[in-house]
C-alpha atoms as a PDB file:
ATOM      1  CA  MET A   1     101.222 196.744  36.529  1.00  0.00           C
ATOM      2  CA  PRO A   2     100.446 199.645  38.911  1.00  0.00           C
ATOM      3  CA  ASN A   3     102.739 202.447  39.310  1.00  0.00           C
ATOM      4  CA  PRO A   4     105.086 202.292  42.287  1.00  0.00           C
ATOM      5  CA  ASP A   5     104.128 204.409  45.414  1.00  0.00           C
ATOM      6  CA  TYR A   6     106.864 206.333  46.766  1.00  0.00           C
ATOM      7  CA  ARG A   7     105.044 207.901  49.678  1.00  0.00           C
ATOM      8  CA  ILE A   8     106.472 207.376  53.317  1.00  0.00           C
ATOM      9  CA  ARG A   9     104.766 206.758  56.530  1.00  0.00           C
ATOM     10  CA  LEU A  10     103.162 209.777  58.101  1.00  0.00           C
ATOM     11  CA  PRO A  11     105.164 211.242  60.882  1.00  0.00           C
ATOM     12  CA  GLU A  12     103.418 211.613  64.221  1.00  0.00           C
ATOM     13  CA  ALA A  13     103.311 215.425  64.229  1.00  0.00           C
ATOM     14  CA  LEU A  14     102.576 216.725  60.719  1.00  0.00           C
ATOM     15  CA  ASP A  15     102.399 220.195  62.194  1.00  0.00           C
ATOM     16  CA  HIS A  16     106.047 219.936  63.254  1.00  0.00           C
ATOM     17  CA  LEU A  17     107.707 218.846  60.012  1.00  0.00           C
ATOM     18  CA  THR A  18     111.438 219.769  59.941  1.00  0.00           C
ATOM     19  CA  ASP A  19     114.160 219.749  57.225  1.00  0.00           C
ATOM     20  CA  ASN A  20     114.937 216.145  58.361  1.00  0.00           C
ATOM     21  CA  HIS A  21     111.376 215.155  57.069  1.00  0.00           C
ATOM     22  CA  LEU A  22     112.259 216.755  53.738  1.00  0.00           C
ATOM     23  CA  TRP A  23     115.238 214.525  53.482  1.00  0.00           C
ATOM     24  CA  GLU A  24     113.171 211.510  54.586  1.00  0.00           C
ATOM     25  CA  LEU A  25     110.679 212.380  51.741  1.00  0.00           C
ATOM     26  CA  LEU A  26     113.613 212.589  49.206  1.00  0.00           C
ATOM     27  CA  GLU A  27     115.089 209.228  50.186  1.00  0.00           C
ATOM     28  CA  PRO A  28     112.591 207.097  48.261  1.00  0.00           C
ATOM     29  CA  LEU A  29     112.566 209.574  45.386  1.00  0.00           C
ATOM     30  CA  SER A  30     116.300 209.754  44.767  1.00  0.00           C
ATOM     31  CA  PRO A  31     117.585 207.454  41.936  1.00  0.00           C
ATOM     32  CA  ARG A  32     119.316 204.365  43.148  1.00  0.00           C
ATOM     33  CA  GLY A  33     122.607 203.306  41.649  1.00  0.00           C
ATOM     34  CA  ALA A  34     123.788 204.056  38.159  1.00  0.00           C
ATOM     35  CA  ILE A  35     120.469 204.185  36.265  1.00  0.00           C
ATOM     36  CA  GLY A  36     120.385 205.836  32.861  1.00  0.00           C
ATOM     37  CA  LEU A  37     118.600 209.231  32.292  1.00  0.00           C
ATOM     38  CA  PRO A  38     115.604 207.613  30.606  1.00  0.00           C
ATOM     39  CA  GLN A  39     115.004 205.421  33.551  1.00  0.00           C
ATOM     40  CA  GLU A  40     115.534 208.181  35.926  1.00  0.00           C
ATOM     41  CA  MET A  41     112.900 210.282  34.037  1.00  0.00           C
ATOM     42  CA  SER A  42     110.410 207.464  33.743  1.00  0.00           C
ATOM     43  CA  ARG A  43     110.722 206.896  37.482  1.00  0.00           C
ATOM     44  CA  PHE A  44     110.290 210.535  38.228  1.00  0.00           C
ATOM     45  CA  LEU A  45     107.095 210.520  36.087  1.00  0.00           C
ATOM     46  CA  ASP A  46     105.634 207.892  38.485  1.00  0.00           C
ATOM     47  CA  PHE A  47     105.784 210.456  41.447  1.00  0.00           C
ATOM     48  CA  THR A  48     102.753 212.333  42.631  1.00  0.00           C
ATOM     49  CA  PRO A  49     102.473 215.943  41.246  1.00  0.00           C
ATOM     50  CA  GLY A  50     103.559 217.130  44.723  1.00  0.00           C
ATOM     51  CA  GLN A  51     106.514 214.745  44.921  1.00  0.00           C
ATOM     52  CA  MET A  52     107.578 215.875  41.505  1.00  0.00           C
ATOM     53  CA  ALA A  53     107.489 219.529  42.497  1.00  0.00           C
ATOM     54  CA  VAL A  54     109.364 219.080  45.803  1.00  0.00           C
ATOM     55  CA  PHE A  55     112.132 216.915  44.195  1.00  0.00           C
ATOM     56  CA  ALA A  56     112.549 219.236  41.173  1.00  0.00           C
ATOM     57  CA  VAL A  57     112.775 222.387  43.369  1.00  0.00           C
ATOM     58  CA  ILE A  58     115.265 220.769  45.877  1.00  0.00           C
ATOM     59  CA  VAL A  59     117.510 219.438  43.218  1.00  0.00           C
ATOM     60  CA  THR A  60     117.321 222.903  41.419  1.00  0.00           C
ATOM     61  CA  GLN A  61     118.086 224.776  44.610  1.00  0.00           C
ATOM     62  CA  ARG A  62     121.079 222.474  45.415  1.00  0.00           C
ATOM     63  CA  GLU A  63     122.607 222.976  42.023  1.00  0.00           C
ATOM     64  CA  VAL A  64     122.025 226.584  41.700  1.00  0.00           C
ATOM     65  CA  ASP A  65     123.241 227.182  45.151  1.00  0.00           C
ATOM     66  CA  LYS A  66     126.405 225.147  44.291  1.00  0.00           C
ATOM     67  CA  GLY A  67     127.300 226.231  40.754  1.00  0.00           C
ATOM     68  CA  GLY A  68     124.874 229.000  39.689  1.00  0.00           C
ATOM     69  CA  LEU A  69     122.683 228.551  36.573  1.00  0.00           C
ATOM     70  CA  GLU A  70     125.692 227.493  34.551  1.00  0.00           C
ATOM     71  CA  GLY A  71     126.245 224.505  36.873  1.00  0.00           C
ATOM     72  CA  TYR A  72     122.632 223.789  36.917  1.00  0.00           C
ATOM     73  CA  PHE A  73     122.241 223.543  33.174  1.00  0.00           C
ATOM     74  CA  GLN A  74     125.390 221.415  32.914  1.00  0.00           C
ATOM     75  CA  SER A  75     124.074 218.886  35.455  1.00  0.00           C
ATOM     76  CA  ARG A  76     121.367 216.276  35.500  1.00  0.00           C
ATOM     77  CA  ALA A  77     119.339 218.601  37.532  1.00  0.00           C
ATOM     78  CA  GLY A  78     118.693 220.659  34.435  1.00  0.00           C
ATOM     79  CA  MET A  79     116.557 217.938  32.916  1.00  0.00           C
ATOM     80  CA  TYR A  80     113.968 218.867  35.612  1.00  0.00           C
ATOM     81  CA  TRP A  81     113.755 222.453  34.518  1.00  0.00           C
ATOM     82  CA  GLN A  82     110.076 222.515  33.529  1.00  0.00           C
ATOM     83  CA  TYR A  83     109.036 220.535  36.677  1.00  0.00           C
ATOM     84  CA  ALA A  84     111.012 223.012  38.723  1.00  0.00           C
ATOM     85  CA  VAL A  85     109.372 226.059  37.181  1.00  0.00           C
ATOM     86  CA  GLU A  86     106.004 224.438  37.988  1.00  0.00           C
ATOM     87  CA  GLY A  87     107.277 223.341  41.340  1.00  0.00           C
ATOM     88  CA  TYR A  88     108.162 226.701  42.456  1.00  0.00           C
ATOM     89  CA  ARG A  89     104.601 227.922  41.323  1.00  0.00           C
ATOM     90  CA  ARG A  90     103.120 225.029  43.412  1.00  0.00           C
ATOM     91  CA  ILE A  91     104.890 226.005  46.529  1.00  0.00           C
ATOM     92  CA  GLY A  92     103.976 229.707  46.111  1.00  0.00           C
ATOM     93  CA  SER A  93     107.365 230.995  45.079  1.00  0.00           C
ATOM     94  CA  LEU A  94     106.243 232.859  41.793  1.00  0.00           C
ATOM     95  CA  GLU A  95     109.363 235.064  41.730  1.00  0.00           C
ATOM     96  CA  ARG A  96     111.617 232.018  41.585  1.00  0.00           C
ATOM     97  CA  ALA A  97     109.394 230.159  39.005  1.00  0.00           C
ATOM     98  CA  GLU A  98     109.579 233.390  36.863  1.00  0.00           C
ATOM     99  CA  ALA A  99     113.344 233.530  37.442  1.00  0.00           C
ATOM    100  CA  LEU A 100     114.081 230.033  36.395  1.00  0.00           C
ATOM    101  CA  LYS A 101     111.755 230.372  33.549  1.00  0.00           C
ATOM    102  CA  GLN A 102     113.681 233.455  32.336  1.00  0.00           C
ATOM    103  CA  ALA A 103     116.941 231.604  32.682  1.00  0.00           C
ATOM    104  CA  ALA A 104     115.932 229.634  29.653  1.00  0.00           C
ATOM    105  CA  VAL A 105     115.976 232.715  27.458  1.00  0.00           C
ATOM    106  CA  PHE A 106     118.863 231.427  25.356  1.00  0.00           C
ATOM    107  CA  CYS A 107     117.217 228.053  24.807  1.00  0.00           C
ATOM    108  CA  PRO A 108     115.092 227.285  21.722  1.00  0.00           C
ATOM    109  CA  GLY A 109     111.530 228.410  22.391  1.00  0.00           C
ATOM    110  CA  GLU A 110     112.836 229.668  25.696  1.00  0.00           C
ATOM    111  CA  ARG A 111     112.482 226.154  27.197  1.00  0.00           C
ATOM    112  CA  ALA A 112     115.481 224.361  28.617  1.00  0.00           C
ATOM    113  CA  PRO A 113     116.134 221.183  26.725  1.00  0.00           C
ATOM    114  CA  ALA A 114     115.627 218.038  28.643  1.00  0.00           C
ATOM    115  CA  SER A 115     118.698 216.446  27.311  1.00  0.00           C
ATOM    116  CA  LEU A 116     122.056 217.386  28.606  1.00  0.00           C
ATOM    117  CA  GLU A 117     123.565 217.510  25.035  1.00  0.00           C
ATOM    118  CA  GLY A 118     120.817 220.151  24.240  1.00  0.00           C
ATOM    119  CA  ARG A 119     121.691 222.167  27.232  1.00  0.00           C
ATOM    120  CA  LEU A 120     125.353 222.065  26.570  1.00  0.00           C
ATOM    121  CA  LYS A 121     124.845 223.241  23.094  1.00  0.00           C
ATOM    122  CA  VAL A 122     122.923 226.230  24.302  1.00  0.00           C
ATOM    123  CA  LEU A 123     125.785 226.994  26.708  1.00  0.00           C
ATOM    124  CA  ALA A 124     128.377 226.690  23.885  1.00  0.00           C
ATOM    125  CA  ASP A 125     126.392 228.698  21.477  1.00  0.00           C
ATOM    126  CA  THR A 126     125.840 231.690  23.990  1.00  0.00           C
ATOM    127  CA  PRO A 127     128.839 233.762  25.045  1.00  0.00           C
ATOM    128  CA  LYS A 128     129.652 233.570  28.600  1.00  0.00           C
ATOM    129  CA  ASP A 129     129.408 237.343  29.352  1.00  0.00           C
ATOM    130  CA  GLN A 130     126.006 237.396  27.751  1.00  0.00           C
ATOM    131  CA  ARG A 131     124.769 234.577  30.034  1.00  0.00           C
ATOM    132  CA  GLU A 132     126.273 236.210  33.097  1.00  0.00           C
ATOM    133  CA  GLN A 133     124.606 239.452  32.256  1.00  0.00           C
ATOM    134  CA  VAL A 134     121.207 237.762  32.315  1.00  0.00           C
ATOM    135  CA  TRP A 135     121.830 235.029  34.930  1.00  0.00           C
ATOM    136  CA  THR A 136     123.475 236.898  37.757  1.00  0.00           C
ATOM    137  CA  PRO A 137     120.337 238.742  38.791  1.00  0.00           C
ATOM    138  CA  LEU A 138     118.216 235.679  38.317  1.00  0.00           C
ATOM    139  CA  GLU A 139     120.662 233.776  40.621  1.00  0.00           C
ATOM    140  CA  ASP A 140     120.102 236.337  43.190  1.00  0.00           C
ATOM    141  CA  THR A 141     116.520 235.636  43.239  1.00  0.00           C
ATOM    142  CA  LEU A 142     117.028 231.881  43.244  1.00  0.00           C
ATOM    143  CA  PHE A 143     119.480 231.838  46.075  1.00  0.00           C
ATOM    144  CA  SER A 144     117.848 231.620  49.580  1.00  0.00           C
ATOM    145  CA  GLU A 145     117.508 227.872  50.370  1.00  0.00           C
ATOM    146  CA  ALA A 146     116.179 228.598  53.788  1.00  0.00           C
ATOM    147  CA  GLU A 147     113.097 230.448  52.560  1.00  0.00           C
ATOM    148  CA  VAL A 148     112.471 227.726  49.949  1.00  0.00           C
ATOM    149  CA  ARG A 149     112.632 224.982  52.681  1.00  0.00           C
ATOM    150  CA  SER A 150     110.078 226.795  54.576  1.00  0.00           C
ATOM    151  CA  LEU A 151     107.778 226.923  51.534  1.00  0.00           C
ATOM    152  CA  LEU A 152     108.378 223.329  50.860  1.00  0.00           C
ATOM    153  CA  LEU A 153     107.547 222.249  54.332  1.00  0.00           C
ATOM    154  CA  ARG A 154     104.364 224.240  54.224  1.00  0.00           C
ATOM    155  CA  TYR A 155     103.475 222.714  50.905  1.00  0.00           C
ATOM    156  CA  VAL A 156     104.080 219.219  52.226  1.00  0.00           C
ATOM    157  CA  ARG A 157     101.913 219.849  55.343  1.00  0.00           C
ATOM    158  CA  GLU A 158      99.059 221.184  53.083  1.00  0.00           C
ATOM    159  CA  HIS A 159      99.334 218.329  50.603  1.00  0.00           C
ATOM    160  CA  SER A 160     100.157 215.477  52.974  1.00  0.00           C
ATOM    161  CA  ASP A 161      98.237 212.824  51.037  1.00  0.00           C
ATOM    162  CA  GLU A 162     100.824 213.267  48.063  1.00  0.00           C
ATOM    163  CA  PHE A 163     103.810 212.473  50.361  1.00  0.00           C
ATOM    164  CA  PHE A 164     102.492 210.175  53.218  1.00  0.00           C
ATOM    165  CA  LEU A 165     100.750 206.920  53.506  1.00  0.00           C
ATOM    166  CA  ASP A 166      97.738 206.699  55.746  1.00  0.00           C
END
């Protein structure tokens, strides 16, 4: 059975993509209903590399902007950590990729565990003041959703075949 295709119809003016188009791209990618984490990750792995990057970056930005790195690692979004690091690289935000990579400094092998239980254990085992000392400057680098949206839109325009049907 072929993998599902989550691309959408090409908008009329690719050069004039807006934030609304980003949300349209996310709609078919967002999990439906109460699916389990293994099913969500399996579905995610069917995305094109560009869709994986955009989805992971957007969910990371939302969680970090809402609850900082602590909130990010406590949420489902944290399971996309490795894809978000790569996603930031893909869209040309190397400083954010490095900041998110450094945020995993307390994790085994300096890689955020995909499982929520693993990430919660890291949080429980690392004193809050120690996390804050490292994470506060990294959060300052990660904040700036408007700049990230601009990079995402440029990436989507330059890699339209990964997001849009002919």
